[in-house]
Amino acid sequence: MTAPLLHLADVPLLPRPPEFTPPDAVAQRIEMRLGRIGSVLGLNLLGCSLVAVPPGKQAFPFHNHRHNDELFVILEGQGELRFGAGRHPLREGDVVGCPAGGPDTAHAITNTGRTELRYLALSSQRTPEICDYPDSGKFGVFDALAPAAPGQPAGSFHHFGREDRPVDYWEGE
């Protein structure tokens, strides 16, 4: 059985996998490192990650989840939450709730400080999930796949598109 605890200082922060590395123009605005916590602790229905964002960047494009709630706990640094049509300052100790929904619950966190912004990102894990990206007019569909063999990690499926065609994750960002 997986140990039921870990220390945040021991969570390795990794860059995006190659298939999700942004093109240079987008990388000027969007960058992060991420450490998996929930899956390491053996959680299946609750996602939890440690996210580190350099100054002046945001971790993910502006998006909403149709089926999953997200909760963010600001651990270090300062930033700005874009939520629906509003913007809100963030600082250490703030807790942000982003319920499942449409464009009015779309969100993105930007580091507005001079030091790295770190936060915990927690979410329900309902699949399949659909995310909308209001700024670029696209959607993404995500699902978990059964492991290829007993004891192997589960796989994943994702597809990004607009109503009329498939697109790359970064298109329009």
Protein backbone atom coordinates (compact mmCIF):
# COMPACT_ATOMS: atom_id res chain seq x y z
CA MET A 1 0.00 0.00 0.00
CA THR A 2 1.09 3.57 -0.70
CA ALA A 3 2.20 5.58 2.34
CA PRO A 4 -0.65 7.90 3.39
CA LEU A 5 1.53 11.00 3.68
CA LEU A 6 4.27 13.02 2.07
CA HIS A 7 5.93 16.38 2.68
CA LEU A 8 5.51 19.17 0.12
CA ALA A 9 9.28 19.74 0.09
CA ASP A 10 9.67 16.17 -1.22
CA VAL A 11 7.28 16.61 -4.16
CA PRO A 12 9.29 16.74 -7.41
CA LEU A 13 8.17 19.61 -9.63
CA LEU A 14 8.34 18.67 -13.31
CA PRO A 15 7.80 20.69 -16.48
CA ARG A 16 4.94 19.87 -18.85
CA PRO A 17 5.35 16.65 -20.82
CA PRO A 18 6.64 17.22 -24.38
CA GLU A 19 3.20 16.84 -25.99
CA PHE A 20 1.98 19.81 -23.91
CA THR A 21 5.01 22.09 -24.29
CA PRO A 22 3.71 25.45 -25.54
CA PRO A 23 5.04 27.06 -28.71
CA ASP A 24 7.47 29.94 -28.11
CA ALA A 25 4.87 32.71 -28.47
CA VAL A 26 2.61 31.09 -25.84
CA ALA A 27 5.53 30.14 -23.58
CA GLN A 28 6.15 33.86 -23.03
CA ARG A 29 2.88 33.91 -21.03
CA ILE A 30 2.20 30.34 -19.89
CA GLU A 31 4.69 28.23 -17.92
CA MET A 32 4.61 26.02 -14.84
CA ARG A 33 6.08 23.02 -13.09
CA LEU A 34 3.78 20.49 -11.49
CA GLY A 35 4.15 17.83 -8.82
CA ARG A 36 1.55 15.08 -8.49
CA ILE A 37 0.32 14.47 -4.96
CA GLY A 38 -3.10 12.78 -5.11
CA SER A 39 -2.04 9.93 -7.36
CA VAL A 40 1.18 9.39 -5.36
CA LEU A 41 -0.95 8.99 -2.24
CA GLY A 42 -3.18 6.47 -4.01
CA LEU A 43 -6.21 8.76 -4.35
CA ASN A 44 -8.57 7.98 -7.22
CA LEU A 45 -11.48 10.39 -6.74
CA LEU A 46 -9.55 13.45 -5.54
CA GLY A 47 -6.81 15.08 -7.58
CA CYS A 48 -4.13 17.14 -5.89
CA SER A 49 -1.02 18.74 -7.36
CA LEU A 50 1.59 21.26 -6.31
CA VAL A 51 1.91 23.97 -8.98
CA ALA A 52 4.84 26.40 -9.30
CA VAL A 53 4.53 29.41 -11.62
CA PRO A 54 7.38 31.83 -12.42
CA PRO A 55 6.85 35.61 -12.18
CA GLY A 56 4.75 37.10 -14.97
CA LYS A 57 3.36 33.75 -16.15
CA GLN A 58 0.17 31.77 -15.75
CA ALA A 59 0.04 27.98 -15.38
CA PHE A 60 -2.81 27.12 -17.77
CA PRO A 61 -4.95 28.82 -20.39
CA PHE A 62 -8.23 30.40 -19.21
CA HIS A 63 -10.66 27.46 -18.99
CA ASN A 64 -13.68 25.98 -17.25
CA HIS A 65 -14.53 22.42 -16.29
CA ARG A 66 -18.02 21.17 -17.05
CA HIS A 67 -17.95 18.29 -14.54
CA ASN A 68 -15.22 18.88 -11.94
CA ASP A 69 -14.81 21.39 -9.15
CA GLU A 70 -11.37 22.83 -8.41
CA LEU A 71 -9.94 24.33 -5.24
CA PHE A 72 -6.67 26.27 -5.06
CA VAL A 73 -4.72 27.03 -1.88
CA ILE A 74 -2.08 29.74 -2.31
CA LEU A 75 1.05 28.64 -0.42
CA GLU A 76 3.66 31.21 -1.50
CA GLY A 77 3.77 34.35 -3.58
CA GLN A 78 1.09 36.57 -5.02
CA GLY A 79 -0.98 36.53 -8.13
CA GLU A 80 -4.24 37.32 -9.81
CA LEU A 81 -7.25 35.09 -10.32
CA ARG A 82 -9.19 35.68 -13.51
CA PHE A 83 -12.62 34.19 -12.80
CA GLY A 84 -15.40 34.65 -15.34
CA ALA A 85 -15.49 38.36 -16.14
CA GLY A 86 -13.73 39.39 -12.91
CA ARG A 87 -10.18 39.62 -11.61
CA HIS A 88 -9.13 39.14 -7.99
CA PRO A 89 -5.75 39.62 -6.25
CA LEU A 90 -4.26 36.52 -4.60
CA ARG A 91 -1.79 36.18 -1.76
CA GLU A 92 -0.40 33.53 0.54
CA GLY A 93 -3.19 31.87 2.53
CA ASP A 94 -5.99 32.55 0.03
CA VAL A 95 -8.32 29.70 -0.89
CA VAL A 96 -10.09 29.80 -4.27
CA GLY A 97 -13.12 27.71 -5.28
CA CYS A 98 -13.88 27.18 -8.97
CA PRO A 99 -17.08 25.15 -9.34
CA ALA A 100 -17.90 23.12 -12.43
CA GLY A 101 -19.87 25.13 -14.95
CA GLY A 102 -19.66 27.24 -18.07
CA PRO A 103 -17.75 30.37 -19.11
CA ASP A 104 -18.86 32.21 -15.95
CA THR A 105 -16.65 29.77 -13.94
CA ALA A 106 -13.69 29.87 -16.33
CA HIS A 107 -10.47 30.61 -14.49
CA ALA A 108 -6.73 31.18 -14.73
CA ILE A 109 -4.14 32.10 -12.11
CA THR A 110 -1.29 34.47 -13.05
CA ASN A 111 1.80 35.17 -10.98
CA THR A 112 1.92 38.96 -10.54
CA GLY A 113 4.76 38.90 -8.00
CA ARG A 114 8.54 38.92 -8.22
CA THR A 115 9.01 35.42 -6.78
CA GLU A 116 7.66 32.01 -7.72
CA LEU A 117 3.95 31.48 -7.00
CA ARG A 118 3.16 28.08 -5.46
CA TYR A 119 -0.27 26.67 -4.85
CA LEU A 120 -2.07 23.41 -4.26
CA ALA A 121 -4.62 22.52 -6.94
CA LEU A 122 -7.30 20.08 -5.79
CA SER A 123 -10.14 18.73 -7.89
CA SER A 124 -12.84 16.14 -8.10
CA GLN A 125 -11.97 13.44 -10.65
CA ARG A 126 -15.15 12.80 -12.63
CA THR A 127 -14.53 11.36 -16.07
CA PRO A 128 -15.06 11.92 -18.83
CA GLU A 129 -14.42 15.64 -18.44
CA ILE A 130 -14.97 18.45 -20.90
CA CYS A 131 -13.12 21.76 -20.60
CA ASP A 132 -13.96 24.89 -22.54
CA TYR A 133 -11.35 27.52 -23.42
CA PRO A 134 -13.36 30.75 -23.88
CA ASP A 135 -10.45 32.89 -25.13
CA SER A 136 -9.65 30.54 -28.01
CA GLY A 137 -13.12 29.09 -28.66
CA LYS A 138 -12.08 25.45 -28.30
CA PHE A 139 -12.93 22.51 -26.06
CA GLY A 140 -11.04 19.54 -24.67
CA VAL A 141 -12.34 16.08 -23.81
CA PHE A 142 -10.42 14.03 -21.24
CA ASP A 143 -10.88 10.47 -19.99
CA ALA A 144 -8.93 7.86 -18.09
CA LEU A 145 -8.08 4.58 -19.78
CA ALA A 146 -7.76 1.22 -18.06
CA PRO A 147 -4.19 0.08 -17.34
CA ALA A 148 -2.54 -1.93 -20.14
CA ALA A 149 -1.73 -4.67 -17.62
CA PRO A 150 -2.33 -5.38 -13.93
CA GLY A 151 -0.10 -3.18 -11.78
CA GLN A 152 0.49 -0.68 -14.60
CA PRO A 153 -0.65 2.96 -14.32
CA ALA A 154 -3.85 4.00 -16.02
CA GLY A 155 -3.56 5.70 -19.36
CA SER A 156 -5.37 8.78 -20.57
CA PHE A 157 -7.23 10.05 -23.61
CA HIS A 158 -7.60 13.66 -24.70
CA HIS A 159 -8.96 15.41 -27.77
CA PHE A 160 -9.09 19.15 -28.50
CA GLY A 161 -11.29 20.79 -31.08
CA ARG A 162 -13.72 23.37 -32.24
CA GLU A 163 -17.18 22.45 -33.47
CA ASP A 164 -15.93 22.06 -37.04
CA ARG A 165 -12.46 20.48 -36.61
CA PRO A 166 -9.80 19.11 -34.29
CA VAL A 167 -7.14 21.57 -33.06
CA ASP A 168 -3.90 21.57 -31.09
CA TYR A 169 -4.13 22.30 -27.34
CA TRP A 170 -2.25 25.58 -27.77
CA GLU A 171 -4.13 26.87 -30.86
CA GLY A 172 -5.49 30.35 -30.20
CA GLU A 173 -3.81 30.76 -26.83
